[in-house]
Every structure is written in structure tokens, then in C-alpha cells.
Amino acid sequence: MFLDQPLPKKKRKSLKDYFDFRNNQTNQIGLIFFSAFVISTSLHFFFENRFTEEQWKTKPMTRSKIVDDLIESQILLYESKSNVIKRLGEPDRVLTTEKDIILYELGLAPQHYNNQAEHLYIEFINETVSKVSIAMYEYK
């Protein structure tokens, strides 16, 4: 008896009903989170300090602002020692132990202790960069 009758068609929602946020609290919250994400991502992109060789060489006191981009982009990884010195200039300290290590001072970084300063730490194995990080170096 019920199987012989066709099912009534559902009325399709119009396009404006999908964008009507007046009565749908879930959509309102989703829109707020999406807007916050877009705004925060845009602000981070515009105000992030990017690494440039010119700024590294000409403004050594601001290196602490761009060192994070230098490390995250990994542009120095697997470079030769001569290429690194060509890009960053002469290092402030050269340490030769079992490993070949060079250090570059990072300028006006927040210092935790009076006798320690932050440096860009570059470690070489067989004349190629194997590790790039930030290190605390103690002055004696």
C-alpha cells in the first residue's frame, strides 16, 4: 500500500539559505573561527621578518629577528663552507674540534645570562653544512 505511492520530493534549499547565518549558530561560530584564522595567518605573513643576505651583512644588530627564517628555510643545509661564508660574511668565531664549527653573533637578542650570547651555530662535516641552529656561547 505505501510502496505503490511515490515519495514526495524534498524542497531544495535555495542558495541564499546556505549563507543565512541569522538562525544557525553553528555556522556563525564556524565563520568566526575561519575569519580569525585568515586574519591571523595574513598578519603573521606580513609582519614576519624574512632572511636576506643584504640585511644579514649590513645590519648585524638585527640578525636575531631573521635567524628563525634562515633556520626554518634550511637554505644553508648541505652548502659548502665557502658558499656559507660568501652568503653570510666572515664568521665571528671558528671552532675546530672533532667537528668544524663556525658561529655568527645574532645582535640584540634577549640575553638570559650576562656572560652568554646567542649565536648562529653552523656545523660542517666534510666541508658541507650538516647542522644549523641557535646556540648559547659563553664568553670567558
N, C-alpha and C. Protein backbone atom coordinates (compact mmCIF):
# COMPACT_ATOMS: atom_id res chain seq x y z
N MET A 1 0.80 -1.17 0.00
CA MET A 1 0.00 0.00 0.00
C MET A 1 0.87 1.26 0.00
N PHE A 2 1.85 1.37 0.90
CA PHE A 2 2.71 2.55 0.94
C PHE A 2 3.79 2.48 -0.12
N LEU A 3 4.12 1.29 -0.57
CA LEU A 3 5.19 1.15 -1.53
C LEU A 3 4.76 1.59 -2.93
N ASP A 4 3.50 1.56 -3.20
CA ASP A 4 3.00 1.93 -4.52
C ASP A 4 2.98 3.45 -4.72
N GLN A 5 2.94 4.19 -3.65
CA GLN A 5 2.85 5.64 -3.78
C GLN A 5 4.26 6.23 -3.89
N PRO A 6 4.44 7.17 -4.78
CA PRO A 6 5.77 7.81 -4.90
C PRO A 6 6.04 8.70 -3.69
N LEU A 7 7.31 8.76 -3.31
CA LEU A 7 7.69 9.60 -2.18
C LEU A 7 7.63 11.07 -2.59
N PRO A 8 7.17 11.90 -1.67
CA PRO A 8 7.13 13.33 -2.02
C PRO A 8 8.57 13.87 -2.10
N LYS A 9 8.83 14.72 -3.08
CA LYS A 9 10.17 15.29 -3.25
C LYS A 9 10.42 16.33 -2.18
N LYS A 10 11.68 16.32 -1.70
CA LYS A 10 12.06 17.35 -0.74
C LYS A 10 12.27 18.66 -1.48
N LYS A 11 11.89 19.71 -0.83
CA LYS A 11 12.10 21.02 -1.43
C LYS A 11 13.58 21.38 -1.27
N ARG A 12 14.22 21.75 -2.38
CA ARG A 12 15.63 22.11 -2.35
C ARG A 12 15.82 23.45 -1.66
N LYS A 13 16.92 23.54 -0.94
CA LYS A 13 17.27 24.82 -0.31
C LYS A 13 17.78 25.75 -1.39
N SER A 14 17.41 26.98 -1.27
CA SER A 14 17.94 27.95 -2.22
C SER A 14 19.35 28.34 -1.77
N LEU A 15 20.09 28.93 -2.66
CA LEU A 15 21.48 29.28 -2.38
C LEU A 15 21.59 30.26 -1.23
N LYS A 16 20.65 31.17 -1.12
CA LYS A 16 20.72 32.16 -0.04
C LYS A 16 20.51 31.51 1.33
N ASP A 17 19.85 30.36 1.39
CA ASP A 17 19.65 29.68 2.66
C ASP A 17 20.96 29.12 3.23
N TYR A 18 21.91 28.81 2.37
CA TYR A 18 23.20 28.32 2.84
C TYR A 18 24.03 29.43 3.48
N PHE A 19 23.77 30.65 3.11
CA PHE A 19 24.52 31.79 3.64
C PHE A 19 23.72 32.62 4.61
N ASP A 20 22.62 32.14 5.06
CA ASP A 20 21.79 32.85 6.03
C ASP A 20 22.25 32.43 7.43
N PHE A 21 23.02 33.28 8.07
CA PHE A 21 23.60 32.95 9.37
C PHE A 21 22.77 33.47 10.55
N ARG A 22 21.63 34.00 10.29
CA ARG A 22 20.85 34.58 11.38
C ARG A 22 20.37 33.53 12.37
N ASN A 23 19.98 32.38 11.90
CA ASN A 23 19.40 31.39 12.80
C ASN A 23 20.28 30.17 13.01
N ASN A 24 21.44 30.12 12.40
CA ASN A 24 22.27 28.94 12.50
C ASN A 24 23.53 29.27 13.30
N GLN A 25 23.52 28.94 14.58
CA GLN A 25 24.61 29.29 15.48
C GLN A 25 25.90 28.55 15.11
N THR A 26 25.80 27.31 14.65
CA THR A 26 26.98 26.55 14.25
C THR A 26 27.70 27.24 13.10
N ASN A 27 26.96 27.71 12.13
CA ASN A 27 27.56 28.41 11.00
C ASN A 27 28.20 29.72 11.44
N GLN A 28 27.59 30.41 12.39
CA GLN A 28 28.15 31.66 12.89
C GLN A 28 29.50 31.41 13.57
N ILE A 29 29.58 30.38 14.39
CA ILE A 29 30.83 30.06 15.10
C ILE A 29 31.90 29.64 14.09
N GLY A 30 31.51 28.85 13.11
CA GLY A 30 32.46 28.44 12.07
C GLY A 30 32.99 29.63 11.29
N LEU A 31 32.12 30.56 10.98
CA LEU A 31 32.54 31.76 10.25
C LEU A 31 33.49 32.60 11.09
N ILE A 32 33.25 32.71 12.37
CA ILE A 32 34.14 33.47 13.26
C ILE A 32 35.52 32.82 13.31
N PHE A 33 35.59 31.50 13.49
CA PHE A 33 36.88 30.81 13.54
C PHE A 33 37.62 30.90 12.21
N PHE A 34 36.91 30.75 11.11
CA PHE A 34 37.54 30.85 9.80
C PHE A 34 38.09 32.26 9.57
N SER A 35 37.32 33.28 9.94
CA SER A 35 37.79 34.66 9.79
C SER A 35 39.01 34.92 10.66
N ALA A 36 39.00 34.41 11.89
CA ALA A 36 40.15 34.60 12.78
C ALA A 36 41.38 33.91 12.21
N PHE A 37 41.22 32.74 11.64
CA PHE A 37 42.35 32.02 11.04
C PHE A 37 42.93 32.80 9.87
N VAL A 38 42.08 33.29 9.00
CA VAL A 38 42.55 34.04 7.82
C VAL A 38 43.26 35.31 8.25
N ILE A 39 42.71 36.03 9.20
CA ILE A 39 43.32 37.28 9.66
C ILE A 39 44.66 37.02 10.33
N SER A 40 44.73 36.02 11.22
CA SER A 40 45.99 35.75 11.92
C SER A 40 47.07 35.25 10.97
N THR A 41 46.71 34.42 10.00
CA THR A 41 47.68 33.95 9.01
C THR A 41 48.20 35.10 8.17
N SER A 42 47.31 35.99 7.77
CA SER A 42 47.72 37.15 6.97
C SER A 42 48.65 38.06 7.76
N LEU A 43 48.32 38.34 9.01
CA LEU A 43 49.16 39.20 9.83
C LEU A 43 50.53 38.58 10.06
N HIS A 44 50.56 37.29 10.30
CA HIS A 44 51.84 36.60 10.51
C HIS A 44 52.70 36.68 9.25
N PHE A 45 52.09 36.50 8.10
CA PHE A 45 52.83 36.55 6.84
C PHE A 45 53.40 37.94 6.58
N PHE A 46 52.59 38.99 6.82
CA PHE A 46 53.03 40.35 6.51
C PHE A 46 54.08 40.88 7.48
N PHE A 47 54.04 40.48 8.74
CA PHE A 47 54.95 41.04 9.73
C PHE A 47 56.11 40.12 10.08
N GLU A 48 56.20 38.97 9.44
CA GLU A 48 57.32 38.07 9.70
C GLU A 48 58.57 38.61 9.02
N ASN A 49 59.68 38.57 9.74
CA ASN A 49 60.95 39.03 9.18
C ASN A 49 61.58 37.90 8.39
N ARG A 50 61.87 38.17 7.14
CA ARG A 50 62.46 37.17 6.26
C ARG A 50 63.96 37.40 6.14
N PHE A 51 64.68 36.30 5.92
CA PHE A 51 66.12 36.37 5.78
C PHE A 51 66.50 36.90 4.41
N THR A 52 67.40 37.88 4.39
CA THR A 52 68.04 38.33 3.16
C THR A 52 69.52 38.47 3.45
N GLU A 53 70.33 38.14 2.49
CA GLU A 53 71.78 38.23 2.67
C GLU A 53 72.20 39.68 2.93
N GLU A 54 71.54 40.61 2.27
CA GLU A 54 71.89 42.02 2.43
C GLU A 54 71.64 42.48 3.87
N GLN A 55 70.48 42.12 4.43
CA GLN A 55 70.18 42.54 5.80
C GLN A 55 71.13 41.85 6.78
N TRP A 56 71.47 40.59 6.53
CA TRP A 56 72.38 39.87 7.42
C TRP A 56 73.74 40.56 7.48
N LYS A 57 74.23 40.99 6.32
CA LYS A 57 75.57 41.59 6.26
C LYS A 57 75.58 43.05 6.70
N THR A 58 74.55 43.82 6.35
CA THR A 58 74.57 45.26 6.63
C THR A 58 74.02 45.64 7.99
N LYS A 59 73.16 44.82 8.57
CA LYS A 59 72.55 45.14 9.87
C LYS A 59 72.77 44.00 10.85
N PRO A 60 73.99 43.83 11.34
CA PRO A 60 74.26 42.68 12.22
C PRO A 60 73.54 42.74 13.56
N MET A 61 73.10 43.91 13.99
CA MET A 61 72.41 44.01 15.27
C MET A 61 70.96 43.52 15.19
N THR A 62 70.44 43.28 13.99
CA THR A 62 69.06 42.80 13.84
C THR A 62 69.01 41.34 13.38
N ARG A 63 70.10 40.64 13.46
CA ARG A 63 70.14 39.26 13.00
C ARG A 63 69.20 38.35 13.79
N SER A 64 68.98 38.66 15.06
CA SER A 64 68.12 37.80 15.88
C SER A 64 66.68 37.77 15.36
N LYS A 65 66.28 38.80 14.59
CA LYS A 65 64.92 38.85 14.05
C LYS A 65 64.75 37.96 12.82
N ILE A 66 65.84 37.73 12.08
CA ILE A 66 65.72 36.97 10.83
C ILE A 66 66.32 35.58 10.91
N VAL A 67 66.94 35.24 12.03
CA VAL A 67 67.62 33.95 12.13
C VAL A 67 66.64 32.78 12.10
N ASP A 68 65.44 32.96 12.62
CA ASP A 68 64.44 31.88 12.60
C ASP A 68 64.07 31.50 11.17
N ASP A 69 63.89 32.50 10.31
CA ASP A 69 63.58 32.23 8.91
C ASP A 69 64.74 31.52 8.23
N LEU A 70 65.97 31.92 8.56
CA LEU A 70 67.15 31.28 7.99
C LEU A 70 67.22 29.80 8.36
N ILE A 71 66.93 29.48 9.61
CA ILE A 71 66.99 28.09 10.06
C ILE A 71 65.83 27.27 9.50
N GLU A 72 64.62 27.81 9.54
CA GLU A 72 63.45 27.07 9.07
C GLU A 72 63.48 26.82 7.57
N SER A 73 64.02 27.75 6.80
CA SER A 73 64.05 27.57 5.35
C SER A 73 65.12 26.57 4.91
N GLN A 74 66.07 26.28 5.77
CA GLN A 74 67.14 25.30 5.53
C GLN A 74 67.93 25.60 4.25
N ILE A 75 68.13 26.89 3.96
CA ILE A 75 68.87 27.23 2.74
C ILE A 75 70.36 26.97 2.87
N LEU A 76 70.86 26.85 4.09
CA LEU A 76 72.29 26.60 4.27
C LEU A 76 72.62 25.11 4.33
N LEU A 77 71.64 24.28 4.55
CA LEU A 77 71.88 22.85 4.70
C LEU A 77 72.50 22.28 3.42
N TYR A 78 73.56 21.50 3.58
CA TYR A 78 74.30 20.84 2.50
C TYR A 78 75.07 21.81 1.61
N GLU A 79 75.23 23.06 2.04
CA GLU A 79 76.05 24.01 1.30
C GLU A 79 77.52 23.81 1.68
N SER A 80 78.42 24.23 0.81
CA SER A 80 79.84 24.14 1.13
C SER A 80 80.22 25.29 2.06
N LYS A 81 81.34 25.13 2.73
CA LYS A 81 81.79 26.14 3.68
C LYS A 81 82.07 27.47 2.98
N SER A 82 82.65 27.41 1.79
CA SER A 82 82.94 28.65 1.06
C SER A 82 81.65 29.37 0.64
N ASN A 83 80.61 28.64 0.27
CA ASN A 83 79.33 29.26 -0.08
C ASN A 83 78.67 29.92 1.12
N VAL A 84 78.78 29.28 2.29
CA VAL A 84 78.19 29.85 3.51
C VAL A 84 78.89 31.15 3.85
N ILE A 85 80.22 31.17 3.78
CA ILE A 85 80.97 32.38 4.10
C ILE A 85 80.70 33.47 3.06
N LYS A 86 80.48 33.08 1.81
CA LYS A 86 80.14 34.06 0.77
C LYS A 86 78.77 34.67 1.05
N ARG A 87 77.81 33.87 1.51
CA ARG A 87 76.46 34.37 1.77
C ARG A 87 76.36 35.18 3.05
N LEU A 88 77.02 34.72 4.13
CA LEU A 88 76.86 35.34 5.44
C LEU A 88 78.02 36.24 5.85
N GLY A 89 79.09 36.21 5.13
CA GLY A 89 80.25 37.01 5.51
C GLY A 89 81.18 36.20 6.41
N GLU A 90 82.24 36.84 6.86
CA GLU A 90 83.21 36.18 7.73
C GLU A 90 82.57 35.86 9.08
N PRO A 91 82.80 34.67 9.62
CA PRO A 91 82.20 34.30 10.91
C PRO A 91 82.87 35.05 12.06
N ASP A 92 82.13 35.16 13.16
CA ASP A 92 82.67 35.82 14.35
C ASP A 92 83.60 34.89 15.12
N ARG A 93 83.32 33.61 15.12
CA ARG A 93 84.16 32.63 15.81
C ARG A 93 84.26 31.38 14.95
N VAL A 94 85.43 30.76 14.96
CA VAL A 94 85.65 29.48 14.28
C VAL A 94 86.16 28.52 15.32
N LEU A 95 85.47 27.40 15.49
CA LEU A 95 85.86 26.38 16.46
C LEU A 95 86.22 25.11 15.69
N THR A 96 87.38 24.61 15.94
CA THR A 96 87.77 23.35 15.30
C THR A 96 88.12 22.35 16.38
N THR A 97 87.26 21.39 16.53
CA THR A 97 87.49 20.27 17.45
C THR A 97 87.40 19.03 16.57
N GLU A 98 86.65 18.04 16.97
CA GLU A 98 86.41 16.92 16.08
C GLU A 98 85.58 17.37 14.88
N LYS A 99 84.78 18.42 15.09
CA LYS A 99 83.92 18.95 14.05
C LYS A 99 84.38 20.37 13.71
N ASP A 100 84.07 20.79 12.53
CA ASP A 100 84.36 22.15 12.10
C ASP A 100 83.12 22.98 12.36
N ILE A 101 83.21 24.02 13.21
CA ILE A 101 82.05 24.80 13.62
C ILE A 101 82.36 26.28 13.44
N ILE A 102 81.40 27.03 12.90
CA ILE A 102 81.53 28.48 12.87
C ILE A 102 80.32 29.09 13.56
N LEU A 103 80.54 30.27 14.17
CA LEU A 103 79.50 30.96 14.92
C LEU A 103 79.36 32.39 14.40
N TYR A 104 78.12 32.84 14.28
CA TYR A 104 77.82 34.23 13.93
C TYR A 104 77.02 34.83 15.07
N GLU A 105 77.41 36.01 15.53
CA GLU A 105 76.67 36.69 16.58
C GLU A 105 75.32 37.15 16.04
N LEU A 106 74.31 37.13 16.93
CA LEU A 106 72.95 37.46 16.50
C LEU A 106 72.50 38.86 16.89
N GLY A 107 73.35 39.67 17.42
CA GLY A 107 72.97 41.05 17.69
C GLY A 107 72.22 41.21 18.98
N LEU A 108 71.20 42.05 18.97
CA LEU A 108 70.48 42.41 20.19
C LEU A 108 69.39 41.41 20.54
N ALA A 109 69.77 40.20 20.80
CA ALA A 109 68.82 39.19 21.23
C ALA A 109 68.64 39.30 22.73
N PRO A 110 67.50 38.88 23.26
CA PRO A 110 67.35 38.88 24.71
C PRO A 110 68.33 37.89 25.32
N GLN A 111 69.16 38.39 26.21
CA GLN A 111 70.18 37.54 26.80
C GLN A 111 69.72 37.05 28.16
N HIS A 112 69.93 35.77 28.41
CA HIS A 112 69.47 35.16 29.64
C HIS A 112 70.50 35.33 30.76
N TYR A 113 71.75 35.33 30.40
CA TYR A 113 72.81 35.47 31.39
C TYR A 113 73.77 36.55 30.91
N ASN A 114 74.48 37.15 31.81
CA ASN A 114 75.38 38.23 31.45
C ASN A 114 76.55 37.78 30.60
N ASN A 115 77.07 36.58 30.84
CA ASN A 115 78.26 36.14 30.13
C ASN A 115 77.96 35.20 28.97
N GLN A 116 76.71 35.10 28.55
CA GLN A 116 76.35 34.26 27.42
C GLN A 116 75.62 35.08 26.36
N ALA A 117 75.86 34.73 25.11
CA ALA A 117 75.20 35.41 24.00
C ALA A 117 74.73 34.36 23.00
N GLU A 118 73.67 34.69 22.27
CA GLU A 118 73.16 33.78 21.25
C GLU A 118 73.97 33.91 19.97
N HIS A 119 74.21 32.78 19.34
CA HIS A 119 74.96 32.73 18.09
C HIS A 119 74.26 31.77 17.13
N LEU A 120 74.45 32.03 15.85
CA LEU A 120 74.04 31.07 14.84
C LEU A 120 75.15 30.03 14.76
N TYR A 121 74.80 28.80 15.01
CA TYR A 121 75.75 27.68 15.09
C TYR A 121 75.65 26.90 13.80
N ILE A 122 76.76 26.81 13.07
CA ILE A 122 76.79 26.06 11.81
C ILE A 122 77.89 25.01 11.92
N GLU A 123 77.49 23.75 11.79
CA GLU A 123 78.41 22.62 11.92
C GLU A 123 78.66 22.02 10.54
N PHE A 124 79.93 21.75 10.26
CA PHE A 124 80.33 21.19 8.97
C PHE A 124 80.88 19.78 9.16
N ILE A 125 80.54 18.92 8.25
CA ILE A 125 81.15 17.59 8.15
C ILE A 125 81.59 17.44 6.70
N ASN A 126 82.87 17.20 6.51
CA ASN A 126 83.47 17.09 5.17
C ASN A 126 83.21 18.35 4.34
N GLU A 127 83.38 19.50 4.96
CA GLU A 127 83.25 20.81 4.31
C GLU A 127 81.85 21.12 3.80
N THR A 128 80.81 20.40 4.27
CA THR A 128 79.42 20.74 3.94
C THR A 128 78.62 20.89 5.23
N VAL A 129 77.63 21.74 5.19
CA VAL A 129 76.82 22.03 6.37
C VAL A 129 76.00 20.81 6.74
N SER A 130 76.09 20.40 8.01
CA SER A 130 75.29 19.28 8.48
C SER A 130 74.25 19.71 9.51
N LYS A 131 74.49 20.85 10.17
CA LYS A 131 73.55 21.30 11.21
C LYS A 131 73.59 22.81 11.31
N VAL A 132 72.39 23.41 11.42
CA VAL A 132 72.26 24.85 11.62
C VAL A 132 71.28 25.05 12.77
N SER A 133 71.71 25.79 13.80
CA SER A 133 70.83 26.03 14.94
C SER A 133 71.29 27.28 15.68
N ILE A 134 70.58 27.60 16.75
CA ILE A 134 70.96 28.70 17.62
C ILE A 134 71.62 28.09 18.85
N ALA A 135 72.74 28.68 19.25
CA ALA A 135 73.48 28.16 20.39
C ALA A 135 73.85 29.30 21.32
N MET A 136 73.95 28.98 22.59
CA MET A 136 74.44 29.93 23.57
C MET A 136 75.94 29.73 23.70
N TYR A 137 76.68 30.80 23.55
CA TYR A 137 78.13 30.72 23.62
C TYR A 137 78.59 31.56 24.80
N GLU A 138 79.42 30.99 25.64
CA GLU A 138 79.85 31.68 26.85
C GLU A 138 81.18 32.37 26.60
N TYR A 139 81.20 33.66 26.94
CA TYR A 139 82.44 34.44 26.83
C TYR A 139 83.27 34.20 28.08
N LYS A 140 84.58 34.12 27.90
CA LYS A 140 85.45 33.92 29.06
C LYS A 140 86.32 35.11 29.27
